[in-house]
Amino acid sequence: MTFTIVLVLVLDQLTKKIASTFHGTFYLVPGFLRFVKATNRGIALGLFNNLSEQVLWIVLFVVVVLSLFPYIFRFNRLERIAMGFILGGALGNLLDRIRFGYVLDFLNLVFLPTIFNLADVFIVVGGGLMILGAFRGVGDEELESGKKRGRLETRPVSERENSVVDIKVDDSESNKGRKGKGQRSD
């Protein structure tokens, strides 16, 4: 996750540095995405332009708390990447707010009324990936780690398939190596 945060932060700062050298409005992708430079003294996507310094400290506190989540909760790979996107984007915008007092926004989708930057894109994509991870449930990575720790795994069995149960119990010295086999046909 740390690599993702640093990568997002570097890409965000690099694109803002490049965007600061251009002036005017022009299309990056004709009819879809255009360059429109603006300063944002609010939060993501230009919302709440007149924020106080107290709100800045609250946002900083929230970012710090969110960065602790992966150490408190168990995240799968997708959720760690998503959290890296969110934190990297938030830190990029927060860094600009601290250094300049505003965030440089320079991207505009022609069908949206907002101007945003790459950090905002990563925050939105990270949020979407977190939602996707929540709907996806247990990932393959967690099943593999469960096998290594000896947890019981299940899988769906079709109606016409015979079920074979092979259980190995290895939880104490007295039961070491004891196996039980059974067969059940439906």
C-alpha atoms as a PDB file:
ATOM      1  CA  MET A   1       0.000   0.000   0.000  1.00  0.00           C
ATOM      2  CA  THR A   2       2.879   2.381   0.741  1.00  0.00           C
ATOM      3  CA  PHE A   3       4.163   2.009  -2.820  1.00  0.00           C
ATOM      4  CA  THR A   4       0.702   2.890  -4.188  1.00  0.00           C
ATOM      5  CA  ILE A   5       0.461   5.975  -1.958  1.00  0.00           C
ATOM      6  CA  VAL A   6       3.899   7.222  -3.036  1.00  0.00           C
ATOM      7  CA  LEU A   7       3.206   6.485  -6.717  1.00  0.00           C
ATOM      8  CA  VAL A   8      -0.115   8.388  -6.645  1.00  0.00           C
ATOM      9  CA  LEU A   9       1.478  11.283  -4.742  1.00  0.00           C
ATOM     10  CA  VAL A  10       4.367  11.555  -7.241  1.00  0.00           C
ATOM     11  CA  LEU A  11       2.064  11.330 -10.296  1.00  0.00           C
ATOM     12  CA  ASP A  12      -0.256  13.935  -8.813  1.00  0.00           C
ATOM     13  CA  GLN A  13       2.515  16.401  -8.000  1.00  0.00           C
ATOM     14  CA  LEU A  14       4.186  15.840 -11.381  1.00  0.00           C
ATOM     15  CA  THR A  15       0.993  16.493 -13.344  1.00  0.00           C
ATOM     16  CA  LYS A  16       0.272  19.616 -11.281  1.00  0.00           C
ATOM     17  CA  LYS A  17       3.806  20.886 -11.939  1.00  0.00           C
ATOM     18  CA  ILE A  18       3.361  20.324 -15.694  1.00  0.00           C
ATOM     19  CA  ALA A  19      -0.143  21.859 -15.680  1.00  0.00           C
ATOM     20  CA  SER A  20       1.122  24.987 -13.923  1.00  0.00           C
ATOM     21  CA  THR A  21       3.263  25.805 -16.989  1.00  0.00           C
ATOM     22  CA  PHE A  22       0.280  25.909 -19.409  1.00  0.00           C
ATOM     23  CA  HIS A  23      -2.254  28.697 -19.850  1.00  0.00           C
ATOM     24  CA  GLY A  24      -5.619  28.957 -21.545  1.00  0.00           C
ATOM     25  CA  THR A  25      -8.221  26.336 -22.324  1.00  0.00           C
ATOM     26  CA  PHE A  26      -7.718  23.570 -24.861  1.00  0.00           C
ATOM     27  CA  TYR A  27      -8.854  20.023 -25.531  1.00  0.00           C
ATOM     28  CA  LEU A  28      -6.708  17.120 -24.376  1.00  0.00           C
ATOM     29  CA  VAL A  29      -9.177  14.641 -25.913  1.00  0.00           C
ATOM     30  CA  PRO A  30     -11.373  16.449 -28.478  1.00  0.00           C
ATOM     31  CA  GLY A  31     -15.018  16.629 -27.459  1.00  0.00           C
ATOM     32  CA  PHE A  32     -14.391  14.818 -24.155  1.00  0.00           C
ATOM     33  CA  LEU A  33     -11.590  16.114 -21.902  1.00  0.00           C
ATOM     34  CA  ARG A  34     -10.189  19.607 -21.809  1.00  0.00           C
ATOM     35  CA  PHE A  35      -7.484  21.516 -19.964  1.00  0.00           C
ATOM     36  CA  VAL A  36      -8.915  24.338 -17.837  1.00  0.00           C
ATOM     37  CA  LYS A  37      -6.609  25.663 -15.136  1.00  0.00           C
ATOM     38  CA  ALA A  38      -8.236  26.784 -11.887  1.00  0.00           C
ATOM     39  CA  THR A  39      -7.331  27.127  -8.235  1.00  0.00           C
ATOM     40  CA  ASN A  40      -9.469  25.316  -5.715  1.00  0.00           C
ATOM     41  CA  ARG A  41      -9.573  26.562  -2.138  1.00  0.00           C
ATOM     42  CA  GLY A  42     -12.251  24.026  -1.205  1.00  0.00           C
ATOM     43  CA  ILE A  43     -12.209  20.253  -1.095  1.00  0.00           C
ATOM     44  CA  ALA A  44     -12.414  17.671  -3.872  1.00  0.00           C
ATOM     45  CA  LEU A  45     -14.067  18.738  -7.129  1.00  0.00           C
ATOM     46  CA  GLY A  46     -14.230  22.395  -6.071  1.00  0.00           C
ATOM     47  CA  LEU A  47     -16.789  21.917  -3.316  1.00  0.00           C
ATOM     48  CA  PHE A  48     -16.929  24.310  -0.324  1.00  0.00           C
ATOM     49  CA  ASN A  49     -14.531  26.987  -1.619  1.00  0.00           C
ATOM     50  CA  ASN A  50     -14.329  29.006   1.612  1.00  0.00           C
ATOM     51  CA  LEU A  51     -12.970  26.415   4.039  1.00  0.00           C
ATOM     52  CA  SER A  52     -11.312  27.484   7.262  1.00  0.00           C
ATOM     53  CA  GLU A  53      -7.980  26.281   8.600  1.00  0.00           C
ATOM     54  CA  GLN A  54      -9.818  24.150  11.179  1.00  0.00           C
ATOM     55  CA  VAL A  55     -11.387  22.127   8.376  1.00  0.00           C
ATOM     56  CA  LEU A  56      -7.904  21.585   6.920  1.00  0.00           C
ATOM     57  CA  TRP A  57      -6.776  20.089  10.240  1.00  0.00           C
ATOM     58  CA  ILE A  58      -9.885  17.902  10.365  1.00  0.00           C
ATOM     59  CA  VAL A  59      -9.109  16.609   6.864  1.00  0.00           C
ATOM     60  CA  LEU A  60      -5.510  15.921   7.926  1.00  0.00           C
ATOM     61  CA  PHE A  61      -6.778  14.005  10.965  1.00  0.00           C
ATOM     62  CA  VAL A  62      -9.145  11.930   8.784  1.00  0.00           C
ATOM     63  CA  VAL A  63      -6.299  11.093   6.372  1.00  0.00           C
ATOM     64  CA  VAL A  64      -4.094   9.947   9.268  1.00  0.00           C
ATOM     65  CA  VAL A  65      -6.902   7.808  10.716  1.00  0.00           C
ATOM     66  CA  LEU A  66      -7.645   6.275   7.305  1.00  0.00           C
ATOM     67  CA  SER A  67      -3.971   5.456   6.820  1.00  0.00           C
ATOM     68  CA  LEU A  68      -4.117   3.339   9.987  1.00  0.00           C
ATOM     69  CA  PHE A  69      -7.051   1.225   8.740  1.00  0.00           C
ATOM     70  CA  PRO A  70      -4.942  -1.366   6.868  1.00  0.00           C
ATOM     71  CA  TYR A  71      -3.029  -2.036  10.088  1.00  0.00           C
ATOM     72  CA  ILE A  72      -6.207  -2.372  12.153  1.00  0.00           C
ATOM     73  CA  PHE A  73      -8.423  -4.226   9.676  1.00  0.00           C
ATOM     74  CA  ARG A  74      -7.497  -7.016   7.283  1.00  0.00           C
ATOM     75  CA  PHE A  75      -7.688  -5.776   3.707  1.00  0.00           C
ATOM     76  CA  ASN A  76      -7.325  -7.899   0.601  1.00  0.00           C
ATOM     77  CA  ARG A  77      -5.083  -6.773  -2.258  1.00  0.00           C
ATOM     78  CA  LEU A  78      -7.815  -4.818  -4.080  1.00  0.00           C
ATOM     79  CA  GLU A  79      -8.761  -2.937  -0.908  1.00  0.00           C
ATOM     80  CA  ARG A  80      -5.105  -2.103  -0.158  1.00  0.00           C
ATOM     81  CA  ILE A  81      -4.679  -0.661  -3.668  1.00  0.00           C
ATOM     82  CA  ALA A  82      -7.945   1.280  -3.305  1.00  0.00           C
ATOM     83  CA  MET A  83      -6.860   2.675   0.060  1.00  0.00           C
ATOM     84  CA  GLY A  84      -3.490   3.623  -1.464  1.00  0.00           C
ATOM     85  CA  PHE A  85      -5.296   5.527  -4.242  1.00  0.00           C
ATOM     86  CA  ILE A  86      -7.500   7.374  -1.750  1.00  0.00           C
ATOM     87  CA  LEU A  87      -4.697   8.242   0.665  1.00  0.00           C
ATOM     88  CA  GLY A  88      -2.220   9.198  -2.075  1.00  0.00           C
ATOM     89  CA  GLY A  89      -4.768  11.509  -3.688  1.00  0.00           C
ATOM     90  CA  ALA A  90      -5.805  13.036  -0.381  1.00  0.00           C
ATOM     91  CA  LEU A  91      -2.183  13.613   0.617  1.00  0.00           C
ATOM     92  CA  GLY A  92      -1.421  15.201  -2.771  1.00  0.00           C
ATOM     93  CA  ASN A  93      -4.236  17.711  -2.418  1.00  0.00           C
ATOM     94  CA  LEU A  94      -3.483  18.274   1.267  1.00  0.00           C
ATOM     95  CA  LEU A  95       0.175  18.962   0.471  1.00  0.00           C
ATOM     96  CA  ASP A  96      -0.880  21.651  -2.013  1.00  0.00           C
ATOM     97  CA  ARG A  97      -3.297  23.187   0.492  1.00  0.00           C
ATOM     98  CA  ILE A  98      -0.514  23.413   3.079  1.00  0.00           C
ATOM     99  CA  ARG A  99       2.132  24.734   0.631  1.00  0.00           C
ATOM    100  CA  PHE A 100       0.070  27.095  -1.518  1.00  0.00           C
ATOM    101  CA  GLY A 101      -3.241  27.600   0.291  1.00  0.00           C
ATOM    102  CA  TYR A 102      -5.087  26.114  -2.703  1.00  0.00           C
ATOM    103  CA  VAL A 103      -5.133  23.049  -4.957  1.00  0.00           C
ATOM    104  CA  LEU A 104      -4.441  23.335  -8.686  1.00  0.00           C
ATOM    105  CA  ASP A 105      -7.237  21.785 -10.756  1.00  0.00           C
ATOM    106  CA  PHE A 106      -6.858  21.505 -14.515  1.00  0.00           C
ATOM    107  CA  LEU A 107      -9.047  18.733 -15.969  1.00  0.00           C
ATOM    108  CA  ASN A 108     -12.650  19.052 -17.125  1.00  0.00           C
ATOM    109  CA  LEU A 109     -14.900  16.432 -18.646  1.00  0.00           C
ATOM    110  CA  VAL A 110     -17.174  18.328 -21.034  1.00  0.00           C
ATOM    111  CA  PHE A 111     -20.309  16.693 -19.605  1.00  0.00           C
ATOM    112  CA  LEU A 112     -19.475  17.630 -15.970  1.00  0.00           C
ATOM    113  CA  PRO A 113     -19.546  21.138 -14.491  1.00  0.00           C
ATOM    114  CA  THR A 114     -16.474  20.555 -12.269  1.00  0.00           C
ATOM    115  CA  ILE A 115     -12.739  20.989 -12.740  1.00  0.00           C
ATOM    116  CA  PHE A 116     -10.494  18.445 -11.030  1.00  0.00           C
ATOM    117  CA  ASN A 117      -6.962  17.040 -10.934  1.00  0.00           C
ATOM    118  CA  LEU A 118      -5.316  13.609 -10.986  1.00  0.00           C
ATOM    119  CA  ALA A 119      -5.511  13.294  -7.176  1.00  0.00           C
ATOM    120  CA  ASP A 120      -9.300  13.647  -7.397  1.00  0.00           C
ATOM    121  CA  VAL A 121      -9.380  10.931 -10.072  1.00  0.00           C
ATOM    122  CA  PHE A 122      -7.421   8.558  -7.818  1.00  0.00           C
ATOM    123  CA  ILE A 123      -9.702   9.321  -4.854  1.00  0.00           C
ATOM    124  CA  VAL A 124     -12.842   8.561  -6.897  1.00  0.00           C
ATOM    125  CA  VAL A 125     -11.339   5.403  -8.461  1.00  0.00           C
ATOM    126  CA  GLY A 126     -10.135   4.254  -5.020  1.00  0.00           C
ATOM    127  CA  GLY A 127     -13.617   4.746  -3.596  1.00  0.00           C
ATOM    128  CA  GLY A 128     -15.088   2.753  -6.473  1.00  0.00           C
ATOM    129  CA  LEU A 129     -12.579  -0.055  -5.915  1.00  0.00           C
ATOM    130  CA  MET A 130     -13.462  -0.138  -2.196  1.00  0.00           C
ATOM    131  CA  ILE A 131     -17.145  -0.516  -3.101  1.00  0.00           C
ATOM    132  CA  LEU A 132     -16.264  -3.219  -5.636  1.00  0.00           C
ATOM    133  CA  GLY A 133     -14.194  -5.014  -2.982  1.00  0.00           C
ATOM    134  CA  ALA A 134     -17.111  -4.912  -0.558  1.00  0.00           C
ATOM    135  CA  PHE A 135     -19.442  -6.489  -3.121  1.00  0.00           C
ATOM    136  CA  ARG A 136     -16.847  -9.038  -4.199  1.00  0.00           C
ATOM    137  CA  GLY A 137     -16.582 -10.599  -0.753  1.00  0.00           C
ATOM    138  CA  VAL A 138     -13.774 -12.969   0.135  1.00  0.00           C
ATOM    139  CA  GLY A 139     -11.010 -12.838  -2.460  1.00  0.00           C
ATOM    140  CA  ASP A 140      -8.844 -15.654  -3.789  1.00  0.00           C
ATOM    141  CA  GLU A 141      -5.919 -14.320  -1.773  1.00  0.00           C
ATOM    142  CA  GLU A 142      -7.810 -14.914   1.484  1.00  0.00           C
ATOM    143  CA  LEU A 143      -8.747 -18.465   0.445  1.00  0.00           C
ATOM    144  CA  GLU A 144      -5.112 -19.256  -0.316  1.00  0.00           C
ATOM    145  CA  SER A 145      -3.942 -17.874   3.023  1.00  0.00           C
ATOM    146  CA  GLY A 146      -6.673 -19.925   4.720  1.00  0.00           C
ATOM    147  CA  LYS A 147      -5.278 -23.113   3.152  1.00  0.00           C
ATOM    148  CA  LYS A 148      -1.839 -22.344   4.528  1.00  0.00           C
ATOM    149  CA  ARG A 149      -3.219 -21.921   8.048  1.00  0.00           C
ATOM    150  CA  GLY A 150      -5.232 -25.136   7.849  1.00  0.00           C
ATOM    151  CA  ARG A 151      -8.704 -23.588   7.795  1.00  0.00           C
ATOM    152  CA  LEU A 152     -11.571 -25.540   6.331  1.00  0.00           C
ATOM    153  CA  GLU A 153     -12.480 -24.544   2.791  1.00  0.00           C
ATOM    154  CA  THR A 154     -15.767 -25.176   1.072  1.00  0.00           C
ATOM    155  CA  ARG A 155     -16.994 -25.081  -2.475  1.00  0.00           C
ATOM    156  CA  PRO A 156     -20.390 -25.611  -4.083  1.00  0.00           C
ATOM    157  CA  VAL A 157     -21.231 -29.212  -5.043  1.00  0.00           C
ATOM    158  CA  SER A 158     -23.626 -29.971  -7.886  1.00  0.00           C
ATOM    159  CA  GLU A 159     -26.607 -32.253  -7.345  1.00  0.00           C
ATOM    160  CA  ARG A 160     -25.197 -35.070  -9.474  1.00  0.00           C
ATOM    161  CA  GLU A 161     -21.708 -34.976  -7.959  1.00  0.00           C
ATOM    162  CA  ASN A 162     -20.649 -37.388  -5.219  1.00  0.00           C
ATOM    163  CA  SER A 163     -19.207 -35.723  -2.151  1.00  0.00           C
ATOM    164  CA  VAL A 164     -16.034 -37.023  -0.548  1.00  0.00           C
ATOM    165  CA  VAL A 165     -14.930 -35.673   2.791  1.00  0.00           C
ATOM    166  CA  ASP A 166     -11.262 -35.880   3.756  1.00  0.00           C
ATOM    167  CA  ILE A 167     -10.541 -34.338   7.142  1.00  0.00           C
ATOM    168  CA  LYS A 168      -7.150 -34.045   8.757  1.00  0.00           C
ATOM    169  CA  VAL A 169      -7.128 -33.021  12.411  1.00  0.00           C
ATOM    170  CA  ASP A 170      -3.855 -31.590  13.648  1.00  0.00           C
ATOM    171  CA  ASP A 171      -4.681 -29.311  16.553  1.00  0.00           C
ATOM    172  CA  SER A 172      -2.889 -30.977  19.490  1.00  0.00           C
ATOM    173  CA  GLU A 173      -0.099 -33.421  20.270  1.00  0.00           C
ATOM    174  CA  SER A 174      -2.503 -36.282  21.125  1.00  0.00           C
ATOM    175  CA  ASN A 175      -4.377 -35.974  17.830  1.00  0.00           C
ATOM    176  CA  LYS A 176      -1.331 -35.423  15.664  1.00  0.00           C
ATOM    177  CA  GLY A 177      -1.734 -37.028  12.271  1.00  0.00           C
ATOM    178  CA  ARG A 178      -5.193 -38.566  12.879  1.00  0.00           C
ATOM    179  CA  LYS A 179      -7.269 -38.729   9.683  1.00  0.00           C
ATOM    180  CA  GLY A 180     -10.896 -39.404   9.085  1.00  0.00           C
ATOM    181  CA  LYS A 181     -12.401 -40.358   5.731  1.00  0.00           C
ATOM    182  CA  GLY A 182     -15.990 -40.620   4.814  1.00  0.00           C
ATOM    183  CA  GLN A 183     -18.064 -40.811   1.685  1.00  0.00           C
ATOM    184  CA  ARG A 184     -21.533 -39.566   1.162  1.00  0.00           C
ATOM    185  CA  SER A 185     -23.484 -39.860  -2.042  1.00  0.00           C
ATOM    186  CA  ASP A 186     -26.547 -37.793  -2.725  1.00  0.00           C
END
